[in-house]
PDB file of N, CA and C in Angstrom:
ATOM      1  N   MET A   1      85.978 116.949  93.017  1.00  0.00           N
ATOM      2  CA  MET A   1      86.340 117.617  93.942  1.00  0.00           C
ATOM      3  C   MET A   1      84.390 118.566  94.949  1.00  0.00           C
ATOM      4  N   THR A   2      84.581 117.929  95.678  1.00  0.00           N
ATOM      5  CA  THR A   2      83.314 118.469  95.774  1.00  0.00           C
ATOM      6  C   THR A   2      83.022 118.572  97.552  1.00  0.00           C
ATOM      7  N   PHE A   3      82.091 119.078  97.898  1.00  0.00           N
ATOM      8  CA  PHE A   3      82.558 119.475  99.727  1.00  0.00           C
ATOM      9  C   PHE A   3      81.021 118.931 100.756  1.00  0.00           C
ATOM     10  N   VAL A   4      81.296 118.306 101.569  1.00  0.00           N
ATOM     11  CA  VAL A   4      80.916 116.881 102.415  1.00  0.00           C
ATOM     12  C   VAL A   4      80.593 116.911 104.011  1.00  0.00           C
ATOM     13  N   ILE A   5      79.715 117.034 104.067  1.00  0.00           N
ATOM     14  CA  ILE A   5      79.266 116.846 105.518  1.00  0.00           C
ATOM     15  C   ILE A   5      79.671 116.081 106.369  1.00  0.00           C
ATOM     16  N   ALA A   6      79.774 116.173 107.863  1.00  0.00           N
ATOM     17  CA  ALA A   6      80.318 115.775 108.705  1.00  0.00           C
ATOM     18  C   ALA A   6      79.850 115.239 109.618  1.00  0.00           C
ATOM     19  N   ASN A   7      80.199 114.091 110.529  1.00  0.00           N
ATOM     20  CA  ASN A   7      79.665 113.861 111.650  1.00  0.00           C
ATOM     21  C   ASN A   7      79.161 115.163 112.714  1.00  0.00           C
ATOM     22  N   ALA A   8      79.312 116.653 112.890  1.00  0.00           N
ATOM     23  CA  ALA A   8      79.091 117.447 113.954  1.00  0.00           C
ATOM     24  C   ALA A   8      77.410 117.808 112.749  1.00  0.00           C
ATOM     25  N   CYS A   9      77.039 117.444 112.360  1.00  0.00           N
ATOM     26  CA  CYS A   9      75.606 117.576 111.645  1.00  0.00           C
ATOM     27  C   CYS A   9      74.528 117.416 112.301  1.00  0.00           C
ATOM     28  N   ILE A  10      74.709 115.837 112.435  1.00  0.00           N
ATOM     29  CA  ILE A  10      74.509 114.775 113.364  1.00  0.00           C
ATOM     30  C   ILE A  10      73.370 115.013 114.360  1.00  0.00           C
ATOM     31  N   ASP A  11      71.842 114.521 114.196  1.00  0.00           N
ATOM     32  CA  ASP A  11      70.664 115.298 114.901  1.00  0.00           C
ATOM     33  C   ASP A  11      71.249 116.564 115.252  1.00  0.00           C
ATOM     34  N   VAL A  12      71.791 117.931 114.512  1.00  0.00           N
ATOM     35  CA  VAL A  12      72.092 119.129 114.061  1.00  0.00           C
ATOM     36  C   VAL A  12      70.500 119.778 113.700  1.00  0.00           C
ATOM     37  N   MET A  13      71.021 119.734 112.652  1.00  0.00           N
ATOM     38  CA  MET A  13      70.375 119.682 110.772  1.00  0.00           C
ATOM     39  C   MET A  13      69.569 121.421 111.117  1.00  0.00           C
ATOM     40  N   ASP A  14      70.723 121.747 111.227  1.00  0.00           N
ATOM     41  CA  ASP A  14      69.879 124.042 111.447  1.00  0.00           C
ATOM     42  C   ASP A  14      69.992 124.464 110.022  1.00  0.00           C
ATOM     43  N   GLN A  15      69.778 123.739 108.391  1.00  0.00           N
ATOM     44  CA  GLN A  15      70.241 123.505 106.993  1.00  0.00           C
ATOM     45  C   GLN A  15      70.076 124.876 106.679  1.00  0.00           C
ATOM     46  N   SER A  16      71.165 125.674 107.785  1.00  0.00           N
ATOM     47  CA  SER A  16      71.492 127.396 107.047  1.00  0.00           C
ATOM     48  C   SER A  16      72.370 126.453 105.283  1.00  0.00           C
ATOM     49  N   CYS A  17      72.750 125.253 106.185  1.00  0.00           N
ATOM     50  CA  CYS A  17      73.157 125.411 103.548  1.00  0.00           C
ATOM     51  C   CYS A  17      72.313 124.957 103.327  1.00  0.00           C
ATOM     52  N   ILE A  18      71.590 124.205 103.203  1.00  0.00           N
ATOM     53  CA  ILE A  18      70.305 124.279 103.211  1.00  0.00           C
ATOM     54  C   ILE A  18      69.592 125.526 102.324  1.00  0.00           C
ATOM     55  N   GLU A  19      69.239 126.437 103.211  1.00  0.00           N
ATOM     56  CA  GLU A  19      69.232 128.164 102.905  1.00  0.00           C
ATOM     57  C   GLU A  19      70.166 128.095 101.180  1.00  0.00           C
ATOM     58  N   VAL A  20      70.967 128.873 101.622  1.00  0.00           N
ATOM     59  CA  VAL A  20      72.627 129.351 100.944  1.00  0.00           C
ATOM     60  C   VAL A  20      72.800 128.855  99.768  1.00  0.00           C
ATOM     61  N   CYS A  21      72.990 127.207  99.112  1.00  0.00           N
ATOM     62  CA  CYS A  21      72.954 126.419  98.205  1.00  0.00           C
ATOM     63  C   CYS A  21      72.434 127.088  97.376  1.00  0.00           C
ATOM     64  N   PRO A  22      73.531 127.642  96.378  1.00  0.00           N
ATOM     65  CA  PRO A  22      73.196 128.079  94.578  1.00  0.00           C
ATOM     66  C   PRO A  22      72.622 127.073  93.457  1.00  0.00           C
ATOM     67  N   VAL A  23      72.465 125.652  93.558  1.00  0.00           N
ATOM     68  CA  VAL A  23      72.163 124.732  93.349  1.00  0.00           C
ATOM     69  C   VAL A  23      71.510 123.804  93.636  1.00  0.00           C
ATOM     70  N   ASP A  24      70.932 123.989  94.806  1.00  0.00           N
ATOM     71  CA  ASP A  24      70.520 122.787  95.376  1.00  0.00           C
ATOM     72  C   ASP A  24      71.287 121.808  95.218  1.00  0.00           C
ATOM     73  N   CYS A  25      71.919 121.701  96.198  1.00  0.00           N
ATOM     74  CA  CYS A  25      72.568 120.651  96.195  1.00  0.00           C
ATOM     75  C   CYS A  25      72.439 119.347  97.818  1.00  0.00           C
ATOM     76  N   ILE A  26      71.933 120.078  98.422  1.00  0.00           N
ATOM     77  CA  ILE A  26      71.688 119.732 100.180  1.00  0.00           C
ATOM     78  C   ILE A  26      70.371 118.767 100.285  1.00  0.00           C
ATOM     79  N   TYR A  27      70.567 118.058 100.513  1.00  0.00           N
ATOM     80  CA  TYR A  27      68.967 117.222 100.407  1.00  0.00           C
ATOM     81  C   TYR A  27      69.563 116.724 101.997  1.00  0.00           C
ATOM     82  N   VAL A  28      67.943 116.390 102.544  1.00  0.00           N
ATOM     83  CA  VAL A  28      67.506 115.689 104.046  1.00  0.00           C
ATOM     84  C   VAL A  28      66.116 115.750 103.919  1.00  0.00           C
ATOM     85  N   GLU A  29      65.789 114.723 104.163  1.00  0.00           N
ATOM     86  CA  GLU A  29      64.681 113.708 104.331  1.00  0.00           C
ATOM     87  C   GLU A  29      64.232 113.501 105.988  1.00  0.00           C
ATOM     88  N   VAL A  30      62.964 113.094 105.507  1.00  0.00           N
ATOM     89  CA  VAL A  30      62.084 113.553 107.296  1.00  0.00           C
ATOM     90  C   VAL A  30      62.956 111.875 108.122  1.00  0.00           C
ATOM     91  N   GLY A  31      63.645 111.918 108.562  1.00  0.00           N
ATOM     92  CA  GLY A  31      64.153 110.887 109.463  1.00  0.00           C
ATOM     93  C   GLY A  31      65.224 110.996 110.192  1.00  0.00           C
ATOM     94  N   ASP A  32      65.675 111.726 108.489  1.00  0.00           N
ATOM     95  CA  ASP A  32      67.556 111.942 108.114  1.00  0.00           C
ATOM     96  C   ASP A  32      67.327 111.967 109.795  1.00  0.00           C
ATOM     97  N   ARG A  33      68.935 111.360 110.005  1.00  0.00           N
ATOM     98  CA  ARG A  33      69.748 112.564 111.512  1.00  0.00           C
ATOM     99  C   ARG A  33      70.955 113.886 110.529  1.00  0.00           C
ATOM    100  N   MET A  34      70.988 114.074 109.662  1.00  0.00           N
ATOM    101  CA  MET A  34      71.975 114.824 108.964  1.00  0.00           C
ATOM    102  C   MET A  34      71.207 114.627 107.836  1.00  0.00           C
ATOM    103  N   CYS A  35      72.259 116.312 107.083  1.00  0.00           N
ATOM    104  CA  CYS A  35      72.270 116.313 105.411  1.00  0.00           C
ATOM    105  C   CYS A  35      72.994 115.368 104.993  1.00  0.00           C
ATOM    106  N   TYR A  36      72.796 115.649 103.288  1.00  0.00           N
ATOM    107  CA  TYR A  36      73.683 116.253 102.353  1.00  0.00           C
ATOM    108  C   TYR A  36      73.627 116.093 101.369  1.00  0.00           C
ATOM    109  N   ILE A  37      75.294 116.444 101.292  1.00  0.00           N
ATOM    110  CA  ILE A  37      75.564 117.349  99.810  1.00  0.00           C
ATOM    111  C   ILE A  37      75.606 115.463  98.671  1.00  0.00           C
ATOM    112  N   GLU A  38      75.274 116.247  97.403  1.00  0.00           N
ATOM    113  CA  GLU A  38      75.408 115.131  95.962  1.00  0.00           C
ATOM    114  C   GLU A  38      76.328 115.999  95.347  1.00  0.00           C
ATOM    115  N   PRO A  39      77.681 115.134  95.528  1.00  0.00           N
ATOM    116  CA  PRO A  39      78.818 115.421  94.739  1.00  0.00           C
ATOM    117  C   PRO A  39      78.900 115.986  93.138  1.00  0.00           C
ATOM    118  N   ASN A  40      78.076 114.707  92.400  1.00  0.00           N
ATOM    119  CA  ASN A  40      77.483 115.132  91.102  1.00  0.00           C
ATOM    120  C   ASN A  40      77.147 116.823  90.411  1.00  0.00           C
ATOM    121  N   GLU A  41      76.619 117.024  91.988  1.00  0.00           N
ATOM    122  CA  GLU A  41      75.758 118.745  91.916  1.00  0.00           C
ATOM    123  C   GLU A  41      76.266 119.635  92.504  1.00  0.00           C
ATOM    124  N   CYS A  42      77.400 119.411  93.385  1.00  0.00           N
ATOM    125  CA  CYS A  42      78.143 120.433  93.868  1.00  0.00           C
ATOM    126  C   CYS A  42      78.717 120.985  92.945  1.00  0.00           C
ATOM    127  N   ILE A  43      79.272 122.362  92.624  1.00  0.00           N
ATOM    128  CA  ILE A  43      80.176 123.263  92.025  1.00  0.00           C
ATOM    129  C   ILE A  43      81.043 123.639  92.489  1.00  0.00           C
ATOM    130  N   ASP A  44      80.704 123.378  93.969  1.00  0.00           N
ATOM    131  CA  ASP A  44      82.263 123.590  94.779  1.00  0.00           C
ATOM    132  C   ASP A  44      82.008 125.079  95.364  1.00  0.00           C
ATOM    133  N   CYS A  45      81.114 126.132  95.453  1.00  0.00           N
ATOM    134  CA  CYS A  45      81.244 127.246  95.765  1.00  0.00           C
ATOM    135  C   CYS A  45      82.028 127.410  97.117  1.00  0.00           C
ATOM    136  N   GLY A  46      81.428 126.460  97.459  1.00  0.00           N
ATOM    137  CA  GLY A  46      81.811 127.087  99.337  1.00  0.00           C
ATOM    138  C   GLY A  46      80.893 127.562 100.477  1.00  0.00           C
ATOM    139  N   VAL A  47      80.033 128.025  99.856  1.00  0.00           N
ATOM    140  CA  VAL A  47      78.889 129.369 100.459  1.00  0.00           C
ATOM    141  C   VAL A  47      78.179 128.620 101.557  1.00  0.00           C
ATOM    142  N   CYS A  48      78.044 127.483 101.462  1.00  0.00           N
ATOM    143  CA  CYS A  48      77.355 125.805 101.799  1.00  0.00           C
ATOM    144  C   CYS A  48      78.079 126.488 104.516  1.00  0.00           C
ATOM    145  N   GLU A  49      79.139 125.724 103.770  1.00  0.00           N
ATOM    146  CA  GLU A  49      80.464 124.915 104.546  1.00  0.00           C
ATOM    147  C   GLU A  49      80.600 127.130 105.744  1.00  0.00           C
ATOM    148  N   SER A  50      80.169 127.962 104.641  1.00  0.00           N
ATOM    149  CA  SER A  50      80.475 129.644 106.021  1.00  0.00           C
ATOM    150  C   SER A  50      78.989 129.687 106.606  1.00  0.00           C
ATOM    151  N   ALA A  51      78.115 129.530 105.431  1.00  0.00           N
ATOM    152  CA  ALA A  51      76.919 128.799 106.584  1.00  0.00           C
ATOM    153  C   ALA A  51      76.134 127.884 107.902  1.00  0.00           C
ATOM    154  N   CYS A  52      77.048 126.591 107.783  1.00  0.00           N
ATOM    155  CA  CYS A  52      77.156 125.759 109.145  1.00  0.00           C
ATOM    156  C   CYS A  52      77.373 126.186 109.692  1.00  0.00           C
ATOM    157  N   PRO A  53      76.533 126.892 110.932  1.00  0.00           N
ATOM    158  CA  PRO A  53      77.271 127.481 112.471  1.00  0.00           C
ATOM    159  C   PRO A  53      77.295 126.255 113.694  1.00  0.00           C
ATOM    160  N   VAL A  54      77.854 124.967 112.325  1.00  0.00           N
ATOM    161  CA  VAL A  54      78.417 123.607 113.531  1.00  0.00           C
ATOM    162  C   VAL A  54      79.773 123.952 113.343  1.00  0.00           C
ATOM    163  N   GLY A  55      80.557 123.943 111.885  1.00  0.00           N
ATOM    164  CA  GLY A  55      81.384 123.316 110.909  1.00  0.00           C
ATOM    165  C   GLY A  55      82.051 122.533 110.739  1.00  0.00           C
ATOM    166  N   ALA A  56      80.047 121.755 110.288  1.00  0.00           N
ATOM    167  CA  ALA A  56      80.127 120.210 110.144  1.00  0.00           C
ATOM    168  C   ALA A  56      80.355 120.153 108.332  1.00  0.00           C
ATOM    169  N   ILE A  57      80.715 121.556 107.604  1.00  0.00           N
ATOM    170  CA  ILE A  57      80.879 121.789 105.829  1.00  0.00           C
ATOM    171  C   ILE A  57      82.286 121.825 106.049  1.00  0.00           C
ATOM    172  N   PHE A  58      82.591 120.755 105.047  1.00  0.00           N
ATOM    173  CA  PHE A  58      83.893 121.130 104.388  1.00  0.00           C
ATOM    174  C   PHE A  58      84.723 120.758 103.079  1.00  0.00           C
ATOM    175  N   ASP A  59      85.715 121.459 102.874  1.00  0.00           N
ATOM    176  CA  ASP A  59      85.826 120.891 101.552  1.00  0.00           C
ATOM    177  C   ASP A  59      86.612 119.293 101.321  1.00  0.00           C
ATOM    178  N   GLU A  60      86.311 118.431 100.557  1.00  0.00           N
ATOM    179  CA  GLU A  60      86.849 117.310 100.181  1.00  0.00           C
ATOM    180  C   GLU A  60      87.889 116.762 100.598  1.00  0.00           C
ATOM    181  N   PRO A  61      89.190 117.716 100.294  1.00  0.00           N
ATOM    182  CA  PRO A  61      90.423 117.468 100.709  1.00  0.00           C
ATOM    183  C   PRO A  61      90.741 117.877 102.405  1.00  0.00           C
ATOM    184  N   ALA A  62      90.095 118.600 102.986  1.00  0.00           N
ATOM    185  CA  ALA A  62      90.002 118.718 104.122  1.00  0.00           C
ATOM    186  C   ALA A  62      89.042 118.014 105.405  1.00  0.00           C
ATOM    187  N   VAL A  63      88.392 117.073 104.816  1.00  0.00           N
ATOM    188  CA  VAL A  63      87.648 116.421 105.164  1.00  0.00           C
ATOM    189  C   VAL A  63      89.420 115.665 106.976  1.00  0.00           C
ATOM    190  N   PRO A  64      88.604 115.927 108.115  1.00  0.00           N
ATOM    191  CA  PRO A  64      89.479 116.012 108.725  1.00  0.00           C
ATOM    192  C   PRO A  64      89.460 114.232 108.874  1.00  0.00           C
ATOM    193  N   LYS A  65      90.575 113.636 109.465  1.00  0.00           N
ATOM    194  CA  LYS A  65      90.626 111.355 109.158  1.00  0.00           C
ATOM    195  C   LYS A  65      90.003 111.376 109.906  1.00  0.00           C
ATOM    196  N   GLU A  66      88.873 112.082 111.389  1.00  0.00           N
ATOM    197  CA  GLU A  66      87.877 111.179 111.877  1.00  0.00           C
ATOM    198  C   GLU A  66      86.977 111.346 111.625  1.00  0.00           C
ATOM    199  N   ALA A  67      86.218 111.920 110.287  1.00  0.00           N
ATOM    200  CA  ALA A  67      85.353 112.137 110.151  1.00  0.00           C
ATOM    201  C   ALA A  67      86.066 111.620 107.995  1.00  0.00           C
ATOM    202  N   GLU A  68      86.826 111.100 107.354  1.00  0.00           N
ATOM    203  CA  GLU A  68      86.640 110.787 106.009  1.00  0.00           C
ATOM    204  C   GLU A  68      85.933 109.760 106.231  1.00  0.00           C
ATOM    205  N   SER A  69      85.554 109.119 106.895  1.00  0.00           N
ATOM    206  CA  SER A  69      84.005 108.392 106.077  1.00  0.00           C
ATOM    207  C   SER A  69      82.827 108.870 105.863  1.00  0.00           C
ATOM    208  N   PHE A  70      82.938 109.938 106.801  1.00  0.00           N
ATOM    209  CA  PHE A  70      81.416 110.465 105.594  1.00  0.00           C
ATOM    210  C   PHE A  70      81.111 111.212 104.203  1.00  0.00           C
ATOM    211  N   THR A  71      82.388 111.056 103.901  1.00  0.00           N
ATOM    212  CA  THR A  71      82.565 111.620 101.604  1.00  0.00           C
ATOM    213  C   THR A  71      81.963 110.678 101.869  1.00  0.00           C
ATOM    214  N   ALA A  72      81.879 109.022 101.424  1.00  0.00           N
ATOM    215  CA  ALA A  72      81.796 107.808 100.947  1.00  0.00           C
ATOM    216  C   ALA A  72      80.487 107.867 101.964  1.00  0.00           C
ATOM    217  N   ILE A  73      79.552 108.469 103.174  1.00  0.00           N
ATOM    218  CA  ILE A  73      78.257 107.995 103.396  1.00  0.00           C
ATOM    219  C   ILE A  73      77.247 108.936 102.231  1.00  0.00           C
ATOM    220  N   ASN A  74      78.344 110.315 102.528  1.00  0.00           N
ATOM    221  CA  ASN A  74      77.537 111.417 101.151  1.00  0.00           C
ATOM    222  C   ASN A  74      77.451 110.776 100.107  1.00  0.00           C
ATOM    223  N   ALA A  75      78.301 110.254  99.497  1.00  0.00           N
ATOM    224  CA  ALA A  75      77.849 109.532  98.344  1.00  0.00           C
ATOM    225  C   ALA A  75      76.464 108.825  98.295  1.00  0.00           C
ATOM    226  N   LEU A  76      76.748 107.774  98.870  1.00  0.00           N
ATOM    227  CA  LEU A  76      75.926 106.633  99.492  1.00  0.00           C
ATOM    228  C   LEU A  76      75.511 107.075 100.027  1.00  0.00           C
ATOM    229  N   TRP A  77      73.966 107.885 100.135  1.00  0.00           N
ATOM    230  CA  TRP A  77      72.376 108.540 100.379  1.00  0.00           C
ATOM    231  C   TRP A  77      71.907 108.310  99.094  1.00  0.00           C
ATOM    232  N   PHE A  78      72.813 109.170  98.038  1.00  0.00           N
ATOM    233  CA  PHE A  78      72.111 108.896  97.300  1.00  0.00           C
ATOM    234  C   PHE A  78      72.261 107.981  96.583  1.00  0.00           C
ATOM    235  N   THR A  79      72.472 106.932  96.397  1.00  0.00           N
ATOM    236  CA  THR A  79      72.528 105.726  95.941  1.00  0.00           C
ATOM    237  C   THR A  79      71.391 104.227  96.908  1.00  0.00           C
ATOM    238  N   ASP A  80      71.891 104.649  98.084  1.00  0.00           N
ATOM    239  CA  ASP A  80      71.136 104.167  98.492  1.00  0.00           C
ATOM    240  C   ASP A  80      71.132 104.555 100.612  1.00  0.00           C
ATOM    241  N   LYS A  81      69.681 105.056 100.607  1.00  0.00           N
ATOM    242  CA  LYS A  81      69.692 106.149 101.665  1.00  0.00           C
ATOM    243  C   LYS A  81      70.054 104.997 103.349  1.00  0.00           C
ATOM    244  N   ASP A  82      69.482 103.649 103.098  1.00  0.00           N
ATOM    245  CA  ASP A  82      69.190 103.036 103.629  1.00  0.00           C
ATOM    246  C   ASP A  82      70.703 102.653 105.405  1.00  0.00           C
ATOM    247  N   ALA A  83      71.189 102.077 104.096  1.00  0.00           N
ATOM    248  CA  ALA A  83      72.258 101.851 103.860  1.00  0.00           C
ATOM    249  C   ALA A  83      73.314 102.878 105.087  1.00  0.00           C
ATOM    250  N   ALA A  84      73.101 104.196 103.873  1.00  0.00           N
ATOM    251  CA  ALA A  84      74.243 105.318 104.552  1.00  0.00           C
ATOM    252  C   ALA A  84      73.104 105.773 106.293  1.00  0.00           C
ATOM    253  N   ARG A  85      71.806 105.851 106.941  1.00  0.00           N
ATOM    254  CA  ARG A  85      72.084 106.023 107.587  1.00  0.00           C
ATOM    255  C   ARG A  85      72.038 104.549 108.434  1.00  0.00           C
ATOM    256  N   THR A  86      72.108 104.187 108.294  1.00  0.00           N
ATOM    257  CA  THR A  86      72.722 102.759 108.819  1.00  0.00           C
ATOM    258  C   THR A  86      74.110 103.304 109.292  1.00  0.00           C
ATOM    259  N   GLN A  87      74.546 103.254 107.837  1.00  0.00           N
ATOM    260  CA  GLN A  87      76.196 103.649 109.360  1.00  0.00           C
ATOM    261  C   GLN A  87      76.376 104.756 109.622  1.00  0.00           C
ATOM    262  N   ILE A  88      74.946 106.231 109.331  1.00  0.00           N
ATOM    263  CA  ILE A  88      75.522 106.915 110.293  1.00  0.00           C
ATOM    264  C   ILE A  88      74.934 106.548 112.107  1.00  0.00           C
ATOM    265  N   ASP A  89      73.812 105.327 112.152  1.00  0.00           N
ATOM    266  CA  ASP A  89      73.673 104.849 112.813  1.00  0.00           C
ATOM    267  C   ASP A  89      74.234 103.958 113.908  1.00  0.00           C
ATOM    268  N   ALA A  90      75.555 103.421 112.654  1.00  0.00           N
ATOM    269  CA  ALA A  90      76.953 102.737 113.893  1.00  0.00           C
ATOM    270  C   ALA A  90      77.534 103.514 114.237  1.00  0.00           C
ATOM    271  N   PHE A  91      78.211 104.645 113.436  1.00  0.00           N
ATOM    272  CA  PHE A  91      78.730 105.678 113.848  1.00  0.00           C
ATOM    273  C   PHE A  91      78.443 106.323 115.095  1.00  0.00           C
ATOM    274  N   MET A  92      77.381 106.315 115.516  1.00  0.00           N
ATOM    275  CA  MET A  92      76.787 107.221 116.532  1.00  0.00           C
ATOM    276  C   MET A  92      76.460 106.106 117.732  1.00  0.00           C
ATOM    277  N   GLU A  93      76.821 105.310 117.407  1.00  0.00           N
ATOM    278  CA  GLU A  93      76.073 103.989 118.998  1.00  0.00           C
ATOM    279  C   GLU A  93      77.976 104.026 118.826  1.00  0.00           C
ATOM    280  N   ALA A  94      79.237 103.540 117.968  1.00  0.00           N
ATOM    281  CA  ALA A  94      80.065 103.069 118.410  1.00  0.00           C
ATOM    282  C   ALA A  94      80.599 104.266 119.377  1.00  0.00           C
ATOM    283  N   GLY A  95      79.929 105.371 119.235  1.00  0.00           N
ATOM    284  CA  GLY A  95      80.232 106.590 120.425  1.00  0.00           C
ATOM    285  C   GLY A  95      80.523 107.449 119.714  1.00  0.00           C
ATOM    286  N   ALA A  96      81.376 108.206 118.693  1.00  0.00           N
ATOM    287  CA  ALA A  96      81.808 108.666 118.147  1.00  0.00           C
ATOM    288  C   ALA A  96      82.159 110.395 118.329  1.00  0.00           C
TER     289      ALA A  96
END
């Protein structure tokens, strides 16, 4: 399992999670609308979850139903950043 950053992070990007991650598995690049957790690097410590001021980070089994797509979006960002960004934009355009 891993932790997942969901829609509450979009356009907030406080980045407190990045500061506390002991394995530096949370990433963001200029132009991104949210941060992403690399599922293969995450050690499931949960430190990021409590550091997030907007409650955007969930243990994968606890991701809310309305944010389930963010599990795949987080993983996608590490193989196809543009596709992940497109999905974030589409999510926001849909009025989510």
